[in-house]
């Protein structure tokens, strides 16, 4: 959970910094891209959860 919070804060800081400089922010502009990133994270966590439950 700490890593997620730190990632969010760093991303927020970089986004603010790039916007102040007038540079484009390198993020997916479509909702599909954002959902894809969330899906990849959720899938990776699901594998860890399943492996922990199975004792693998």
PDB file of N, CA and C in Angstrom:
ATOM      1  N   UNK A   1       0.820  -1.190   0.000  1.00  0.00           N
ATOM      2  CA  UNK A   1       0.000   0.000   0.000  1.00  0.00           C
ATOM      3  C   UNK A   1       0.866   1.257   0.000  1.00  0.00           C
ATOM      4  N   UNK A   2       2.000   1.184   0.708  1.00  0.00           N
ATOM      5  CA  UNK A   2       2.906   2.331   0.749  1.00  0.00           C
ATOM      6  C   UNK A   2       3.470   2.620  -0.636  1.00  0.00           C
ATOM      7  N   UNK A   3       3.808   1.561  -1.375  1.00  0.00           N
ATOM      8  CA  UNK A   3       4.353   1.750  -2.720  1.00  0.00           C
ATOM      9  C   UNK A   3       3.318   2.416  -3.630  1.00  0.00           C
ATOM     10  N   UNK A   4       2.051   2.063  -3.471  1.00  0.00           N
ATOM     11  CA  UNK A   4       1.009   2.691  -4.288  1.00  0.00           C
ATOM     12  C   UNK A   4       0.876   4.172  -3.971  1.00  0.00           C
ATOM     13  N   UNK A   5       0.926   4.507  -2.698  1.00  0.00           N
ATOM     14  CA  UNK A   5       0.810   5.902  -2.295  1.00  0.00           C
ATOM     15  C   UNK A   5       2.002   6.712  -2.791  1.00  0.00           C
ATOM     16  N   UNK A   6       3.192   6.149  -2.657  1.00  0.00           N
ATOM     17  CA  UNK A   6       4.395   6.841  -3.143  1.00  0.00           C
ATOM     18  C   UNK A   6       4.326   7.011  -4.658  1.00  0.00           C
ATOM     19  N   UNK A   7       3.885   5.984  -5.371  1.00  0.00           N
ATOM     20  CA  UNK A   7       3.755   6.072  -6.824  1.00  0.00           C
ATOM     21  C   UNK A   7       2.766   7.158  -7.223  1.00  0.00           C
ATOM     22  N   UNK A   8       1.654   7.223  -6.507  1.00  0.00           N
ATOM     23  CA  UNK A   8       0.651   8.245  -6.796  1.00  0.00           C
ATOM     24  C   UNK A   8       1.216   9.641  -6.563  1.00  0.00           C
ATOM     25  N   UNK A   9       1.912   9.831  -5.446  1.00  0.00           N
ATOM     26  CA  UNK A   9       2.471  11.147  -5.138  1.00  0.00           C
ATOM     27  C   UNK A   9       3.563  11.554  -6.123  1.00  0.00           C
ATOM     28  N   UNK A  10       4.415  10.609  -6.505  1.00  0.00           N
ATOM     29  CA  UNK A  10       5.460  10.907  -7.489  1.00  0.00           C
ATOM     30  C   UNK A  10       4.830  11.248  -8.834  1.00  0.00           C
ATOM     31  N   UNK A  11       3.831  10.472  -9.245  1.00  0.00           N
ATOM     32  CA  UNK A  11       3.142  10.759 -10.497  1.00  0.00           C
ATOM     33  C   UNK A  11       2.470  12.113 -10.470  1.00  0.00           C
ATOM     34  N   UNK A  12       1.863  12.463  -9.355  1.00  0.00           N
ATOM     35  CA  UNK A  12       1.228  13.759  -9.205  1.00  0.00           C
ATOM     36  C   UNK A  12       2.257  14.874  -9.331  1.00  0.00           C
ATOM     37  N   UNK A  13       3.383  14.689  -8.658  1.00  0.00           N
ATOM     38  CA  UNK A  13       4.441  15.692  -8.734  1.00  0.00           C
ATOM     39  C   UNK A  13       4.998  15.859 -10.137  1.00  0.00           C
ATOM     40  N   UNK A  14       5.217  14.759 -10.831  1.00  0.00           N
ATOM     41  CA  UNK A  14       5.740  14.830 -12.198  1.00  0.00           C
ATOM     42  C   UNK A  14       4.716  15.479 -13.126  1.00  0.00           C
ATOM     43  N   UNK A  15       3.438  15.120 -12.942  1.00  0.00           N
ATOM     44  CA  UNK A  15       2.385  15.734 -13.758  1.00  0.00           C
ATOM     45  C   UNK A  15       2.328  17.234 -13.575  1.00  0.00           C
ATOM     46  N   UNK A  16       2.423  17.697 -12.330  1.00  0.00           N
ATOM     47  CA  UNK A  16       2.417  19.134 -12.049  1.00  0.00           C
ATOM     48  C   UNK A  16       3.635  19.802 -12.671  1.00  0.00           C
ATOM     49  N   UNK A  17       4.796  19.183 -12.499  1.00  0.00           N
ATOM     50  CA  UNK A  17       6.041  19.729 -13.035  1.00  0.00           C
ATOM     51  C   UNK A  17       5.986  19.863 -14.560  1.00  0.00           C
ATOM     52  N   UNK A  18       5.536  18.809 -15.239  1.00  0.00           N
ATOM     53  CA  UNK A  18       5.460  18.847 -16.706  1.00  0.00           C
ATOM     54  C   UNK A  18       4.444  19.880 -17.186  1.00  0.00           C
ATOM     55  N   UNK A  19       3.320  20.004 -16.481  1.00  0.00           N
ATOM     56  CA  UNK A  19       2.293  20.961 -16.881  1.00  0.00           C
ATOM     57  C   UNK A  19       2.789  22.390 -16.710  1.00  0.00           C
ATOM     58  N   UNK A  20       3.540  22.649 -15.622  1.00  0.00           N
ATOM     59  CA  UNK A  20       4.099  23.984 -15.395  1.00  0.00           C
ATOM     60  C   UNK A  20       5.077  24.343 -16.504  1.00  0.00           C
ATOM     61  N   UNK A  21       5.866  23.360 -16.955  1.00  0.00           N
ATOM     62  CA  UNK A  21       6.831  23.602 -18.032  1.00  0.00           C
ATOM     63  C   UNK A  21       6.165  23.671 -19.404  1.00  0.00           C
ATOM     64  N   UNK A  22       4.888  23.303 -19.472  1.00  0.00           N
ATOM     65  CA  UNK A  22       4.176  23.336 -20.748  1.00  0.00           C
ATOM     66  C   UNK A  22       4.458  22.126 -21.624  1.00  0.00           C
ATOM     67  N   UNK A  23       4.971  21.075 -21.036  1.00  0.00           N
ATOM     68  CA  UNK A  23       5.273  19.856 -21.784  1.00  0.00           C
ATOM     69  C   UNK A  23       4.067  18.921 -21.764  1.00  0.00           C
ATOM     70  N   UNK A  24       3.942  18.070 -22.764  1.00  0.00           N
ATOM     71  CA  UNK A  24       2.838  17.109 -22.743  1.00  0.00           C
ATOM     72  C   UNK A  24       3.035  16.059 -21.660  1.00  0.00           C
ATOM     73  N   UNK A  25       1.945  15.653 -21.053  1.00  0.00           N
ATOM     74  CA  UNK A  25       1.992  14.645 -19.993  1.00  0.00           C
ATOM     75  C   UNK A  25       1.835  13.268 -20.653  1.00  0.00           C
ATOM     76  N   UNK A  26       2.827  12.362 -20.494  1.00  0.00           N
ATOM     77  CA  UNK A  26       2.798  11.069 -21.185  1.00  0.00           C
ATOM     78  C   UNK A  26       1.906  10.038 -20.489  1.00  0.00           C
ATOM     79  N   UNK A  27       0.613  10.200 -20.643  1.00  0.00           N
ATOM     80  CA  UNK A  27      -0.352   9.255 -20.069  1.00  0.00           C
ATOM     81  C   UNK A  27      -1.350   8.862 -21.146  1.00  0.00           C
ATOM     82  N   UNK A  28      -1.997   7.722 -20.998  1.00  0.00           N
ATOM     83  CA  UNK A  28      -3.035   7.363 -21.964  1.00  0.00           C
ATOM     84  C   UNK A  28      -4.196   8.346 -21.873  1.00  0.00           C
ATOM     85  N   UNK A  29      -4.611   8.862 -23.006  1.00  0.00           N
ATOM     86  CA  UNK A  29      -5.672   9.858 -23.006  1.00  0.00           C
ATOM     87  C   UNK A  29      -7.052   9.241 -23.094  1.00  0.00           C
ATOM     88  N   UNK A  30      -7.104   7.986 -23.332  1.00  0.00           N
ATOM     89  CA  UNK A  30      -8.415   7.358 -23.439  1.00  0.00           C
ATOM     90  C   UNK A  30      -8.703   6.536 -22.194  1.00  0.00           C
ATOM     91  N   UNK A  31      -9.973   6.375 -21.899  1.00  0.00           N
ATOM     92  CA  UNK A  31     -10.394   5.594 -20.747  1.00  0.00           C
ATOM     93  C   UNK A  31      -9.945   4.140 -20.903  1.00  0.00           C
ATOM     94  N   UNK A  32      -9.918   3.652 -22.134  1.00  0.00           N
ATOM     95  CA  UNK A  32      -9.481   2.276 -22.386  1.00  0.00           C
ATOM     96  C   UNK A  32      -8.038   2.037 -21.970  1.00  0.00           C
ATOM     97  N   UNK A  33      -7.187   2.998 -22.211  1.00  0.00           N
ATOM     98  CA  UNK A  33      -5.788   2.867 -21.814  1.00  0.00           C
ATOM     99  C   UNK A  33      -5.622   2.811 -20.307  1.00  0.00           C
ATOM    100  N   UNK A  34      -6.369   3.650 -19.629  1.00  0.00           N
ATOM    101  CA  UNK A  34      -6.311   3.668 -18.171  1.00  0.00           C
ATOM    102  C   UNK A  34      -6.845   2.353 -17.609  1.00  0.00           C
ATOM    103  N   UNK A  35      -7.951   1.866 -18.163  1.00  0.00           N
ATOM    104  CA  UNK A  35      -8.511   0.609 -17.691  1.00  0.00           C
ATOM    105  C   UNK A  35      -7.562  -0.553 -17.983  1.00  0.00           C
ATOM    106  N   UNK A  36      -6.829  -0.471 -19.092  1.00  0.00           N
ATOM    107  CA  UNK A  36      -5.830  -1.501 -19.396  1.00  0.00           C
ATOM    108  C   UNK A  36      -4.733  -1.548 -18.344  1.00  0.00           C
ATOM    109  N   UNK A  37      -4.266  -0.382 -17.906  1.00  0.00           N
ATOM    110  CA  UNK A  37      -3.247  -0.331 -16.862  1.00  0.00           C
ATOM    111  C   UNK A  37      -3.781  -0.888 -15.544  1.00  0.00           C
ATOM    112  N   UNK A  38      -4.997  -0.535 -15.205  1.00  0.00           N
ATOM    113  CA  UNK A  38      -5.611  -1.063 -13.981  1.00  0.00           C
ATOM    114  C   UNK A  38      -5.787  -2.574 -14.095  1.00  0.00           C
ATOM    115  N   UNK A  39      -6.184  -3.044 -15.281  1.00  0.00           N
ATOM    116  CA  UNK A  39      -6.362  -4.475 -15.504  1.00  0.00           C
ATOM    117  C   UNK A  39      -5.063  -5.253 -15.362  1.00  0.00           C
ATOM    118  N   UNK A  40      -3.974  -4.694 -15.874  1.00  0.00           N
ATOM    119  CA  UNK A  40      -2.677  -5.367 -15.740  1.00  0.00           C
ATOM    120  C   UNK A  40      -2.282  -5.480 -14.273  1.00  0.00           C
ATOM    121  N   UNK A  41      -2.478  -4.416 -13.515  1.00  0.00           N
ATOM    122  CA  UNK A  41      -2.154  -4.442 -12.099  1.00  0.00           C
ATOM    123  C   UNK A  41      -3.032  -5.458 -11.366  1.00  0.00           C
ATOM    124  N   UNK A  42      -4.336  -5.422 -11.645  1.00  0.00           N
ATOM    125  CA  UNK A  42      -5.260  -6.344 -10.978  1.00  0.00           C
ATOM    126  C   UNK A  42      -4.938  -7.796 -11.328  1.00  0.00           C
ATOM    127  N   UNK A  43      -4.586  -8.054 -12.583  1.00  0.00           N
ATOM    128  CA  UNK A  43      -4.229  -9.410 -12.995  1.00  0.00           C
ATOM    129  C   UNK A  43      -2.985  -9.910 -12.300  1.00  0.00           C
ATOM    130  N   UNK A  44      -1.989  -9.053 -12.162  1.00  0.00           N
ATOM    131  CA  UNK A  44      -0.755  -9.442 -11.482  1.00  0.00           C
ATOM    132  C   UNK A  44      -1.026  -9.742 -10.011  1.00  0.00           C
ATOM    133  N   UNK A  45      -1.859  -8.930  -9.379  1.00  0.00           N
ATOM    134  CA  UNK A  45      -2.192  -9.166  -7.976  1.00  0.00           C
ATOM    135  C   UNK A  45      -3.034 -10.421  -7.808  1.00  0.00           C
ATOM    136  N   UNK A  46      -3.884 -10.710  -8.777  1.00  0.00           N
ATOM    137  CA  UNK A  46      -4.714 -11.909  -8.725  1.00  0.00           C
ATOM    138  C   UNK A  46      -3.850 -13.170  -8.784  1.00  0.00           C
ATOM    139  N   UNK A  47      -2.816 -13.147  -9.608  1.00  0.00           N
ATOM    140  CA  UNK A  47      -1.905 -14.294  -9.695  1.00  0.00           C
ATOM    141  C   UNK A  47      -1.218 -14.516  -8.355  1.00  0.00           C
ATOM    142  N   UNK A  48      -0.770 -13.442  -7.715  1.00  0.00           N
ATOM    143  CA  UNK A  48      -0.125 -13.559  -6.402  1.00  0.00           C
ATOM    144  C   UNK A  48      -1.110 -14.130  -5.386  1.00  0.00           C
ATOM    145  N   UNK A  49      -2.340 -13.644  -5.393  1.00  0.00           N
ATOM    146  CA  UNK A  49      -3.359 -14.120  -4.457  1.00  0.00           C
ATOM    147  C   UNK A  49      -3.646 -15.610  -4.656  1.00  0.00           C
ATOM    148  N   UNK A  50      -3.802 -16.030  -5.897  1.00  0.00           N
ATOM    149  CA  UNK A  50      -4.071 -17.438  -6.194  1.00  0.00           C
ATOM    150  C   UNK A  50      -2.903 -18.320  -5.795  1.00  0.00           C
ATOM    151  N   UNK A  51      -1.691 -17.888  -6.102  1.00  0.00           N
ATOM    152  CA  UNK A  51      -0.511 -18.682  -5.733  1.00  0.00           C
ATOM    153  C   UNK A  51      -0.370 -18.786  -4.216  1.00  0.00           C
ATOM    154  N   UNK A  52      -0.685 -17.722  -3.503  1.00  0.00           N
ATOM    155  CA  UNK A  52      -0.624 -17.772  -2.037  1.00  0.00           C
ATOM    156  C   UNK A  52      -1.662 -18.748  -1.491  1.00  0.00           C
ATOM    157  N   UNK A  53      -2.845 -18.733  -2.052  1.00  0.00           N
ATOM    158  CA  UNK A  53      -3.904 -19.630  -1.580  1.00  0.00           C
ATOM    159  C   UNK A  53      -3.579 -21.083  -1.866  1.00  0.00           C
ATOM    160  N   UNK A  54      -2.931 -21.345  -3.020  1.00  0.00           N
ATOM    161  CA  UNK A  54      -2.588 -22.713  -3.390  1.00  0.00           C
ATOM    162  C   UNK A  54      -1.281 -23.181  -2.752  1.00  0.00           C
ATOM    163  N   UNK A  55      -0.554 -22.250  -2.160  1.00  0.00           N
ATOM    164  CA  UNK A  55       0.711 -22.606  -1.527  1.00  0.00           C
ATOM    165  C   UNK A  55       1.828 -22.820  -2.512  1.00  0.00           C
ATOM    166  N   UNK A  56       1.744 -22.193  -3.657  1.00  0.00           N
ATOM    167  CA  UNK A  56       2.757 -22.349  -4.698  1.00  0.00           C
ATOM    168  C   UNK A  56       3.853 -21.323  -4.505  1.00  0.00           C
TER     169      UNK A  56
END
